[in-house]
Structure formats: C-alpha cells, structure tokens
C-alpha cells in the first residue's frame, strides 16, 4: 500500500517537471534575439567606405564604431532588432545591425603631416598642423629642439604614434600604410611554439 502512492507521486512530479522543461525550451526558442545568434547563422556586410576620406561612413567619434547590417541565414527564427515578435528569415533580410570598429577622420592628411615634418619640422609647422600649438611654438623657438626633435617627430608621425590632437585618424588610402596595434587580451590567442616546451 505504501508503494503505490509513492509511485504516483513520482509520476506526477516527473510530468510536472517535464512540462516546465518543454515550456522553457519552447519559450527560449521563441524569445531568441537575432543579436544572440551564433556565428554561421548570420553574416554582416562590409561597412561603406567614403571615397573622399577613405574611411568608413557614419563612424562615431566617441566609440570609433559604425553600424553594419547583418543578414540572417535562411530558416532561422529569431526576434529582429526593432521588433518584438519572432520572425523566420529567408536568407536575404537584415535582422539586426552590429557595431564594428572604424577609423574616424576629421580632415588631417597623413602625407601632408609627414611632408610638413620632414621639410618644415624644425619650425614646428607639423605640430601646428596637427593641433599642438604649444609644442609647435617650442619647436619654432629652438629650431626643432636643435633638429633632434624634428627627427623624432618624423619617426613618430611616420609610425602614426603622433596623431591629430582631436583624436581622429589620418586621411590615407584605405589599403595604404595604416597601422593597427594588436594587443593580447581574452579575445586574442597566441599559438604556442614548439620551442617553448610548455610541458
């Protein structure tokens, strides 16, 4: 007699838990936002490039990102960015936009800054052009820190360490001499070399 109610209670609990799990799986499948999709379930278009500045269009100066449209793969059901209802995509429709890094330019040309530094750097014209008037005046009064400061500024501008004072990047060819600093963090991976002998 004791065994029968115990079996019924386990069956009832199993049924209730199964219903909750199925409801949870169904609700999360219908509540999936398109921004939370995995790679391979969408692809993002390349940002538009301005022909005049050779930089990405609509680049935000504060975050240095620009929104790009992402297209959801065919048959994927998710909630689009500006909607509240799930939608099944056909493979050609935009589901959300994602911010990607960009170069914000504000009218300073790399070639102009470098040529000013080479030919008129002893008078501080390069620093005046980039928006550093105090250093430009100091270079002018000391002939480019006795030509040593001019040589250092040529290297710093050529290596793009010194940029315009407003935080913008130089205008240069899109596939030109732009440098990108690579830093190691949680999103990067260094392939171990066999000579490191990690064992």
Protein backbone atom coordinates (compact mmCIF):
# COMPACT_ATOMS: atom_id res chain seq x y z
CA UNK A 1 0.00 0.00 0.00
CA UNK A 2 2.80 2.40 0.80
CA UNK A 3 4.49 1.70 -2.55
CA UNK A 4 1.55 2.74 -4.78
CA UNK A 5 1.16 6.39 -3.60
CA UNK A 6 4.94 6.85 -3.80
CA UNK A 7 4.94 5.73 -7.46
CA UNK A 8 2.03 8.05 -8.27
CA UNK A 9 3.78 10.97 -6.61
CA UNK A 10 6.98 10.37 -8.61
CA UNK A 11 4.99 10.12 -11.84
CA UNK A 12 3.18 13.39 -11.08
CA UNK A 13 6.45 15.18 -10.27
CA UNK A 14 8.10 13.79 -13.41
CA UNK A 15 5.19 15.00 -15.53
CA UNK A 16 5.21 18.48 -13.99
CA UNK A 17 9.00 18.89 -14.37
CA UNK A 18 8.84 17.66 -17.98
CA UNK A 19 6.14 20.21 -18.78
CA UNK A 20 8.23 23.02 -17.27
CA UNK A 21 11.32 21.95 -19.25
CA UNK A 22 9.38 21.75 -22.52
CA UNK A 23 7.75 25.13 -21.85
CA UNK A 24 11.17 26.65 -21.07
CA UNK A 25 12.75 25.25 -24.25
CA UNK A 26 9.79 26.46 -26.34
CA UNK A 27 9.83 29.94 -24.78
CA UNK A 28 13.60 30.37 -25.19
CA UNK A 29 13.39 29.26 -28.83
CA UNK A 30 10.71 31.89 -29.44
CA UNK A 31 12.45 34.56 -27.32
CA UNK A 32 15.83 34.30 -29.09
CA UNK A 33 17.01 37.73 -30.20
CA UNK A 34 18.79 37.94 -33.54
CA UNK A 35 21.76 39.65 -31.84
CA UNK A 36 22.33 36.47 -29.79
CA UNK A 37 22.71 34.13 -32.78
CA UNK A 38 25.89 32.11 -33.21
CA UNK A 39 28.46 32.74 -35.94
CA UNK A 40 27.37 30.98 -39.11
CA UNK A 41 23.72 31.79 -38.50
CA UNK A 42 24.24 35.30 -39.87
CA UNK A 43 26.80 37.36 -41.76
CA UNK A 44 27.46 41.08 -41.60
CA UNK A 45 28.05 43.29 -44.61
CA UNK A 46 31.26 45.28 -45.00
CA UNK A 47 30.87 48.93 -43.93
CA UNK A 48 30.52 51.55 -46.65
CA UNK A 49 33.71 53.47 -47.45
CA UNK A 50 33.73 57.21 -48.15
CA UNK A 51 35.65 57.82 -51.40
CA UNK A 52 36.96 61.20 -50.24
CA UNK A 53 38.32 60.29 -46.80
CA UNK A 54 38.84 56.55 -47.42
CA UNK A 55 37.26 55.88 -44.02
CA UNK A 56 34.06 54.12 -43.02
CA UNK A 57 30.80 56.09 -43.36
CA UNK A 58 28.89 57.07 -40.17
CA UNK A 59 31.83 56.43 -37.86
CA UNK A 60 31.05 57.58 -34.31
CA UNK A 61 33.92 59.74 -32.98
CA UNK A 62 33.39 58.66 -29.36
CA UNK A 63 33.23 54.86 -29.71
CA UNK A 64 35.00 54.67 -33.11
CA UNK A 65 32.41 52.17 -34.35
CA UNK A 66 29.98 52.18 -37.25
CA UNK A 67 26.77 50.13 -37.56
CA UNK A 68 26.72 47.41 -40.21
CA UNK A 69 23.72 45.39 -41.33
CA UNK A 70 23.72 41.68 -40.53
CA UNK A 71 21.74 39.23 -42.68
CA UNK A 72 20.21 36.18 -41.00
CA UNK A 73 20.60 32.75 -42.66
CA UNK A 74 17.63 31.07 -44.29
CA UNK A 75 15.23 29.26 -41.96
CA UNK A 76 16.48 30.87 -38.74
CA UNK A 77 13.70 32.11 -36.44
CA UNK A 78 14.53 34.96 -34.09
CA UNK A 79 13.31 38.35 -32.91
CA UNK A 80 14.61 41.19 -35.15
CA UNK A 81 16.31 44.16 -33.52
CA UNK A 82 13.46 46.66 -33.96
CA UNK A 83 10.56 44.26 -33.42
CA UNK A 84 9.07 42.25 -30.61
CA UNK A 85 7.73 39.24 -32.49
CA UNK A 86 9.69 36.21 -33.74
CA UNK A 87 10.22 36.04 -37.49
CA UNK A 88 11.57 33.32 -39.82
CA UNK A 89 14.14 34.77 -42.24
CA UNK A 90 14.60 33.81 -45.90
CA UNK A 91 18.36 34.45 -46.13
CA UNK A 92 18.23 37.92 -47.74
CA UNK A 93 16.73 40.02 -44.95
CA UNK A 94 18.51 42.18 -42.39
CA UNK A 95 17.85 41.05 -38.84
CA UNK A 96 20.00 43.45 -36.83
CA UNK A 97 22.89 45.87 -37.07
CA UNK A 98 26.15 45.34 -35.25
CA UNK A 99 28.81 47.95 -34.40
CA UNK A 100 32.21 47.29 -36.00
CA UNK A 101 35.47 49.22 -35.45
CA UNK A 102 36.14 52.11 -37.82
CA UNK A 103 38.58 54.94 -38.46
CA UNK A 104 37.19 58.41 -37.69
CA UNK A 105 38.83 61.13 -39.77
CA UNK A 106 38.50 64.89 -39.40
CA UNK A 107 40.43 66.34 -42.32
CA UNK A 108 44.07 65.65 -41.38
CA UNK A 109 46.05 64.06 -44.21
CA UNK A 110 48.88 61.64 -43.39
CA UNK A 111 51.05 62.62 -46.37
CA UNK A 112 50.70 66.33 -45.57
CA UNK A 113 51.68 65.82 -41.92
CA UNK A 114 54.70 63.73 -42.88
CA UNK A 115 55.92 66.16 -45.55
CA UNK A 116 55.49 69.12 -43.19
CA UNK A 117 57.51 67.25 -40.57
CA UNK A 118 60.32 66.45 -42.99
CA UNK A 119 60.68 69.87 -44.63
CA UNK A 120 59.33 72.35 -42.04
CA UNK A 121 59.52 70.33 -38.83
CA UNK A 122 62.35 72.47 -37.46
CA UNK A 123 59.89 75.39 -37.35
CA UNK A 124 57.13 73.32 -35.69
CA UNK A 125 54.74 73.58 -38.65
CA UNK A 126 53.89 69.87 -38.39
CA UNK A 127 52.77 70.26 -34.77
CA UNK A 128 50.73 73.37 -35.61
CA UNK A 129 49.05 71.42 -38.42
CA UNK A 130 48.16 68.52 -36.09
CA UNK A 131 46.74 70.85 -33.43
CA UNK A 132 49.59 71.00 -30.90
CA UNK A 133 50.40 74.76 -30.85
CA UNK A 134 52.44 74.72 -27.60
CA UNK A 135 54.86 72.08 -28.89
CA UNK A 136 54.90 73.81 -32.28
CA UNK A 137 55.90 77.10 -30.68
CA UNK A 138 58.58 75.38 -28.60
CA UNK A 139 59.98 73.67 -31.71
CA UNK A 140 59.92 77.00 -33.59
CA UNK A 141 61.86 78.83 -30.86
CA UNK A 142 64.52 76.08 -30.54
CA UNK A 143 64.78 75.08 -34.24
CA UNK A 144 63.12 71.74 -33.66
CA UNK A 145 64.91 71.11 -30.35
CA UNK A 146 68.18 71.58 -32.26
CA UNK A 147 66.99 69.29 -35.09
CA UNK A 148 66.77 66.28 -32.75
CA UNK A 149 63.06 66.92 -32.07
CA UNK A 150 62.44 67.19 -35.80
CA UNK A 151 63.98 63.76 -36.40
CA UNK A 152 61.96 62.25 -33.54
CA UNK A 153 58.73 63.82 -34.86
CA UNK A 154 59.41 62.45 -38.36
CA UNK A 155 59.62 58.95 -36.88
CA UNK A 156 56.59 59.43 -34.61
CA UNK A 157 54.40 60.72 -37.44
CA UNK A 158 55.64 58.08 -39.91
CA UNK A 159 54.83 55.33 -37.39
CA UNK A 160 51.47 57.02 -36.63
CA UNK A 161 52.22 57.33 -32.94
CA UNK A 162 51.50 61.07 -33.07
CA UNK A 163 48.02 61.65 -34.46
CA UNK A 164 45.85 64.77 -34.66
CA UNK A 165 45.02 66.36 -31.31
CA UNK A 166 41.26 65.82 -31.69
CA UNK A 167 41.69 62.02 -31.52
CA UNK A 168 40.91 61.41 -35.18
CA UNK A 169 42.88 59.24 -37.59
CA UNK A 170 44.71 60.42 -40.68
CA UNK A 171 43.11 60.50 -44.10
CA UNK A 172 45.02 57.95 -46.15
CA UNK A 173 44.39 55.33 -48.79
CA UNK A 174 42.07 52.63 -47.44
CA UNK A 175 44.56 49.94 -48.38
CA UNK A 176 47.53 52.21 -47.66
CA UNK A 177 50.06 52.41 -44.88
CA UNK A 178 47.64 52.28 -41.95
CA UNK A 179 48.93 50.59 -38.82
CA UNK A 180 46.82 48.57 -36.39
CA UNK A 181 48.07 47.82 -32.91
CA UNK A 182 47.47 44.24 -31.85
CA UNK A 183 47.08 43.66 -28.13
CA UNK A 184 46.76 40.40 -26.27
CA UNK A 185 43.57 40.03 -24.28
CA UNK A 186 40.80 37.49 -23.75
CA UNK A 187 39.68 37.78 -27.38
CA UNK A 188 43.09 37.05 -28.91
CA UNK A 189 45.04 33.82 -28.94
CA UNK A 190 48.76 33.22 -29.28
CA UNK A 191 49.61 29.94 -30.94
CA UNK A 192 52.24 28.23 -28.79
CA UNK A 193 55.51 27.47 -30.49
CA UNK A 194 57.11 24.05 -30.15
CA UNK A 195 60.32 25.60 -28.84
CA UNK A 196 58.50 26.96 -25.76
CA UNK A 197 58.35 23.44 -24.29
CA UNK A 198 55.26 24.00 -22.15
CA UNK A 199 55.32 20.53 -20.58
